[in-house]
Amino acid sequence: MKTLMFETTIKATPEAVSKAMLGPETYKAWTSAFCEGSYYTGSWDEGASIHFLSPGGDGMVSVIAEHRPAEFVSIKHIGMIENGVEDTTSEKVRNWTPAYENYRFTAVPGGTHLVVTVDTVPEYEQYMQDTFPKALGLLKELCEK
């Protein structure tokens, strides 16, 4: 597993950037770079379960490992949902879990420096390299409107 890093500076407060990243409707907007119509169910509260889903209902089973509002969010991906079935125990899933996705919001003059780290397996590395900058660009647009 490889950890990738992405970063951007956004002309908005850490609170505003965090709110746009996590809000149900704004989440759909910036994550459309990954999958048009993506959404989540569950809670961003530390320790809570959360599912990240495609319009067809397939996606990721995750837990919020850590959440300090407007400072840091750590998502621990622990499985998949395929055809409505959660899988957290198969060999296929055990080969890549747990995988972490972390967001750090730092106040800087004029805005927020956002640093994202994502654990990924080789077959998704190029996709993440291509898509994460687009997603962060959409988040930046949302926040700077």
C-alpha atoms as a PDB file:
ATOM      1  CA  MET A   1       0.000   0.000   0.000  1.00  0.00           C
ATOM      2  CA  LYS A   2       1.243   3.471  -0.872  1.00  0.00           C
ATOM      3  CA  THR A   3       0.305   6.764   0.781  1.00  0.00           C
ATOM      4  CA  LEU A   4      -0.324   9.624  -1.630  1.00  0.00           C
ATOM      5  CA  MET A   5      -0.419  13.284  -0.631  1.00  0.00           C
ATOM      6  CA  PHE A   6      -2.393  16.130  -2.172  1.00  0.00           C
ATOM      7  CA  GLU A   7      -2.602  19.732  -1.060  1.00  0.00           C
ATOM      8  CA  THR A   8      -4.240  23.023  -1.923  1.00  0.00           C
ATOM      9  CA  THR A   9      -4.748  26.432  -0.419  1.00  0.00           C
ATOM     10  CA  ILE A  10      -8.313  27.721  -0.312  1.00  0.00           C
ATOM     11  CA  LYS A  11      -9.420  31.312   0.305  1.00  0.00           C
ATOM     12  CA  ALA A  12     -11.801  30.414   3.124  1.00  0.00           C
ATOM     13  CA  THR A  13     -11.557  29.642   6.830  1.00  0.00           C
ATOM     14  CA  PRO A  14     -10.819  26.095   8.025  1.00  0.00           C
ATOM     15  CA  GLU A  15     -14.398  26.008   9.375  1.00  0.00           C
ATOM     16  CA  ALA A  16     -15.839  26.897   5.961  1.00  0.00           C
ATOM     17  CA  VAL A  17     -13.618  24.397   4.121  1.00  0.00           C
ATOM     18  CA  SER A  18     -14.457  21.631   6.586  1.00  0.00           C
ATOM     19  CA  LYS A  19     -18.178  22.419   6.357  1.00  0.00           C
ATOM     20  CA  ALA A  20     -18.069  22.273   2.548  1.00  0.00           C
ATOM     21  CA  MET A  21     -16.076  19.048   2.570  1.00  0.00           C
ATOM     22  CA  LEU A  22     -18.405  17.244   4.978  1.00  0.00           C
ATOM     23  CA  GLY A  23     -21.836  18.736   4.228  1.00  0.00           C
ATOM     24  CA  PRO A  24     -24.147  16.237   2.487  1.00  0.00           C
ATOM     25  CA  GLU A  25     -24.885  18.386  -0.583  1.00  0.00           C
ATOM     26  CA  THR A  26     -21.448  19.969  -0.964  1.00  0.00           C
ATOM     27  CA  TYR A  27     -19.843  16.536  -0.456  1.00  0.00           C
ATOM     28  CA  LYS A  28     -21.780  15.329  -3.516  1.00  0.00           C
ATOM     29  CA  ALA A  29     -20.506  18.290  -5.530  1.00  0.00           C
ATOM     30  CA  TRP A  30     -16.778  17.968  -4.868  1.00  0.00           C
ATOM     31  CA  THR A  31     -16.689  14.157  -4.916  1.00  0.00           C
ATOM     32  CA  SER A  32     -18.409  14.110  -8.321  1.00  0.00           C
ATOM     33  CA  ALA A  33     -14.839  14.091  -9.694  1.00  0.00           C
ATOM     34  CA  PHE A  34     -14.566  10.509  -8.395  1.00  0.00           C
ATOM     35  CA  CYS A  35     -18.097   9.354  -9.199  1.00  0.00           C
ATOM     36  CA  GLU A  36     -21.016  11.471 -10.345  1.00  0.00           C
ATOM     37  CA  GLY A  37     -23.810  11.088  -7.795  1.00  0.00           C
ATOM     38  CA  SER A  38     -21.617   9.810  -4.958  1.00  0.00           C
ATOM     39  CA  TYR A  39     -22.894  10.351  -1.435  1.00  0.00           C
ATOM     40  CA  TYR A  40     -22.453   9.135   2.115  1.00  0.00           C
ATOM     41  CA  THR A  41     -24.641   7.733   4.866  1.00  0.00           C
ATOM     42  CA  GLY A  42     -23.708   7.787   8.515  1.00  0.00           C
ATOM     43  CA  SER A  43     -21.952  10.315  10.676  1.00  0.00           C
ATOM     44  CA  TRP A  44     -18.679  12.243  10.729  1.00  0.00           C
ATOM     45  CA  ASP A  45     -18.532  11.870  14.536  1.00  0.00           C
ATOM     46  CA  GLU A  46     -15.359  10.248  15.841  1.00  0.00           C
ATOM     47  CA  GLY A  47     -15.896   6.488  16.170  1.00  0.00           C
ATOM     48  CA  ALA A  48     -18.999   6.496  13.953  1.00  0.00           C
ATOM     49  CA  SER A  49     -19.633   4.227  10.987  1.00  0.00           C
ATOM     50  CA  ILE A  50     -19.942   5.862   7.592  1.00  0.00           C
ATOM     51  CA  HIS A  51     -20.575   4.467   4.109  1.00  0.00           C
ATOM     52  CA  PHE A  52     -19.282   6.184   0.974  1.00  0.00           C
ATOM     53  CA  LEU A  53     -21.528   5.137  -1.894  1.00  0.00           C
ATOM     54  CA  SER A  54     -22.063   5.339  -5.639  1.00  0.00           C
ATOM     55  CA  PRO A  55     -25.574   6.003  -6.984  1.00  0.00           C
ATOM     56  CA  GLY A  56     -25.956   2.217  -7.384  1.00  0.00           C
ATOM     57  CA  GLY A  57     -25.243   1.655  -3.683  1.00  0.00           C
ATOM     58  CA  ASP A  58     -21.781   0.096  -4.022  1.00  0.00           C
ATOM     59  CA  GLY A  59     -18.921   1.631  -2.087  1.00  0.00           C
ATOM     60  CA  MET A  60     -16.795   1.697   1.029  1.00  0.00           C
ATOM     61  CA  VAL A  61     -17.434   0.686   4.633  1.00  0.00           C
ATOM     62  CA  SER A  62     -15.555   3.059   6.911  1.00  0.00           C
ATOM     63  CA  VAL A  63     -15.182   4.399  10.435  1.00  0.00           C
ATOM     64  CA  ILE A  64     -14.256   7.919  11.479  1.00  0.00           C
ATOM     65  CA  ALA A  65     -10.981   7.185  13.288  1.00  0.00           C
ATOM     66  CA  GLU A  66     -10.466  10.752  14.464  1.00  0.00           C
ATOM     67  CA  HIS A  67     -12.312  14.045  14.035  1.00  0.00           C
ATOM     68  CA  ARG A  68     -11.245  17.410  15.380  1.00  0.00           C
ATOM     69  CA  PRO A  69     -13.660  19.834  13.691  1.00  0.00           C
ATOM     70  CA  ALA A  70     -12.017  22.228  11.232  1.00  0.00           C
ATOM     71  CA  GLU A  71      -8.581  20.743  12.076  1.00  0.00           C
ATOM     72  CA  PHE A  72      -8.342  17.057  11.174  1.00  0.00           C
ATOM     73  CA  VAL A  73     -10.479  14.168   9.911  1.00  0.00           C
ATOM     74  CA  SER A  74      -9.187  10.599   9.644  1.00  0.00           C
ATOM     75  CA  ILE A  75     -11.286   8.021   7.795  1.00  0.00           C
ATOM     76  CA  LYS A  76     -10.435   4.354   8.302  1.00  0.00           C
ATOM     77  CA  HIS A  77     -11.706   2.306   5.351  1.00  0.00           C
ATOM     78  CA  ILE A  78     -12.455  -1.236   6.516  1.00  0.00           C
ATOM     79  CA  GLY A  79     -14.419  -2.863   3.711  1.00  0.00           C
ATOM     80  CA  MET A  80     -16.576  -2.741   0.615  1.00  0.00           C
ATOM     81  CA  ILE A  81     -20.247  -2.822  -0.230  1.00  0.00           C
ATOM     82  CA  GLU A  82     -21.066  -4.706  -3.417  1.00  0.00           C
ATOM     83  CA  ASN A  83     -24.591  -5.539  -4.559  1.00  0.00           C
ATOM     84  CA  GLY A  84     -25.903  -4.367  -1.204  1.00  0.00           C
ATOM     85  CA  VAL A  85     -23.644  -6.714   0.787  1.00  0.00           C
ATOM     86  CA  GLU A  86     -21.015  -5.426   3.251  1.00  0.00           C
ATOM     87  CA  ASP A  87     -17.688  -7.233   3.103  1.00  0.00           C
ATOM     88  CA  THR A  88     -15.157  -6.555   5.843  1.00  0.00           C
ATOM     89  CA  THR A  89     -13.683 -10.042   6.161  1.00  0.00           C
ATOM     90  CA  SER A  90     -12.916 -11.575   2.749  1.00  0.00           C
ATOM     91  CA  GLU A  91      -9.337 -12.080   1.623  1.00  0.00           C
ATOM     92  CA  LYS A  92      -9.930  -9.519  -1.135  1.00  0.00           C
ATOM     93  CA  VAL A  93     -10.744  -6.872   1.494  1.00  0.00           C
ATOM     94  CA  ARG A  94      -8.101  -7.983   3.994  1.00  0.00           C
ATOM     95  CA  ASN A  95      -5.461  -7.413   1.295  1.00  0.00           C
ATOM     96  CA  TRP A  96      -5.941  -3.637   1.492  1.00  0.00           C
ATOM     97  CA  THR A  97      -7.548  -2.837   4.842  1.00  0.00           C
ATOM     98  CA  PRO A  98      -7.293  -0.853   6.858  1.00  0.00           C
ATOM     99  CA  ALA A  99      -6.672   2.076   4.522  1.00  0.00           C
ATOM    100  CA  TYR A 100      -6.679   5.638   5.810  1.00  0.00           C
ATOM    101  CA  GLU A 101      -7.790   8.890   4.216  1.00  0.00           C
ATOM    102  CA  ASN A 102      -6.776  11.959   6.235  1.00  0.00           C
ATOM    103  CA  TYR A 103      -7.643  15.640   5.866  1.00  0.00           C
ATOM    104  CA  ARG A 104      -5.691  18.341   7.735  1.00  0.00           C
ATOM    105  CA  PHE A 105      -6.997  21.931   7.735  1.00  0.00           C
ATOM    106  CA  THR A 106      -4.437  24.603   8.690  1.00  0.00           C
ATOM    107  CA  ALA A 107      -5.243  28.308   8.890  1.00  0.00           C
ATOM    108  CA  VAL A 108      -2.844  30.393   6.804  1.00  0.00           C
ATOM    109  CA  PRO A 109      -2.909  34.081   5.875  1.00  0.00           C
ATOM    110  CA  GLY A 110      -5.907  34.505   3.590  1.00  0.00           C
ATOM    111  CA  GLY A 111      -7.379  31.048   4.018  1.00  0.00           C
ATOM    112  CA  THR A 112      -6.770  27.369   4.668  1.00  0.00           C
ATOM    113  CA  HIS A 113      -4.010  25.015   3.614  1.00  0.00           C
ATOM    114  CA  LEU A 114      -5.604  21.594   3.112  1.00  0.00           C
ATOM    115  CA  VAL A 115      -3.380  18.513   3.078  1.00  0.00           C
ATOM    116  CA  VAL A 116      -4.872  15.145   2.175  1.00  0.00           C
ATOM    117  CA  THR A 117      -3.146  11.777   2.533  1.00  0.00           C
ATOM    118  CA  VAL A 118      -4.688   8.654   1.038  1.00  0.00           C
ATOM    119  CA  ASP A 119      -3.593   5.021   1.321  1.00  0.00           C
ATOM    120  CA  THR A 120      -4.017   3.260  -2.008  1.00  0.00           C
ATOM    121  CA  VAL A 121      -3.154   0.007  -3.737  1.00  0.00           C
ATOM    122  CA  PRO A 122      -1.172  -0.006  -7.001  1.00  0.00           C
ATOM    123  CA  GLU A 123      -4.198  -0.551  -9.263  1.00  0.00           C
ATOM    124  CA  TYR A 124      -5.828   2.699  -8.012  1.00  0.00           C
ATOM    125  CA  GLU A 125      -2.715   4.854  -7.677  1.00  0.00           C
ATOM    126  CA  GLN A 126      -2.925   6.512 -11.111  1.00  0.00           C
ATOM    127  CA  TYR A 127      -6.675   7.054 -10.742  1.00  0.00           C
ATOM    128  CA  MET A 128      -6.094   8.826  -7.423  1.00  0.00           C
ATOM    129  CA  GLN A 129      -3.197  10.864  -8.886  1.00  0.00           C
ATOM    130  CA  ASP A 130      -5.453  11.984 -11.749  1.00  0.00           C
ATOM    131  CA  THR A 131      -8.698  12.502  -9.848  1.00  0.00           C
ATOM    132  CA  PHE A 132      -7.849  13.889  -6.402  1.00  0.00           C
ATOM    133  CA  PRO A 133      -6.517  17.213  -7.774  1.00  0.00           C
ATOM    134  CA  LYS A 134      -9.766  17.627  -9.757  1.00  0.00           C
ATOM    135  CA  ALA A 135     -11.848  16.910  -6.642  1.00  0.00           C
ATOM    136  CA  LEU A 136      -9.856  19.403  -4.572  1.00  0.00           C
ATOM    137  CA  GLY A 137     -10.305  21.952  -7.359  1.00  0.00           C
ATOM    138  CA  LEU A 138     -14.077  21.494  -7.092  1.00  0.00           C
ATOM    139  CA  LEU A 139     -13.896  21.858  -3.299  1.00  0.00           C
ATOM    140  CA  LYS A 140     -11.850  25.038  -3.734  1.00  0.00           C
ATOM    141  CA  GLU A 141     -14.474  26.439  -6.156  1.00  0.00           C
ATOM    142  CA  LEU A 142     -17.283  25.668  -3.710  1.00  0.00           C
ATOM    143  CA  CYS A 143     -15.488  27.386  -0.853  1.00  0.00           C
ATOM    144  CA  GLU A 144     -14.385  30.458  -2.785  1.00  0.00           C
ATOM    145  CA  LYS A 145     -17.806  31.298  -4.294  1.00  0.00           C
END
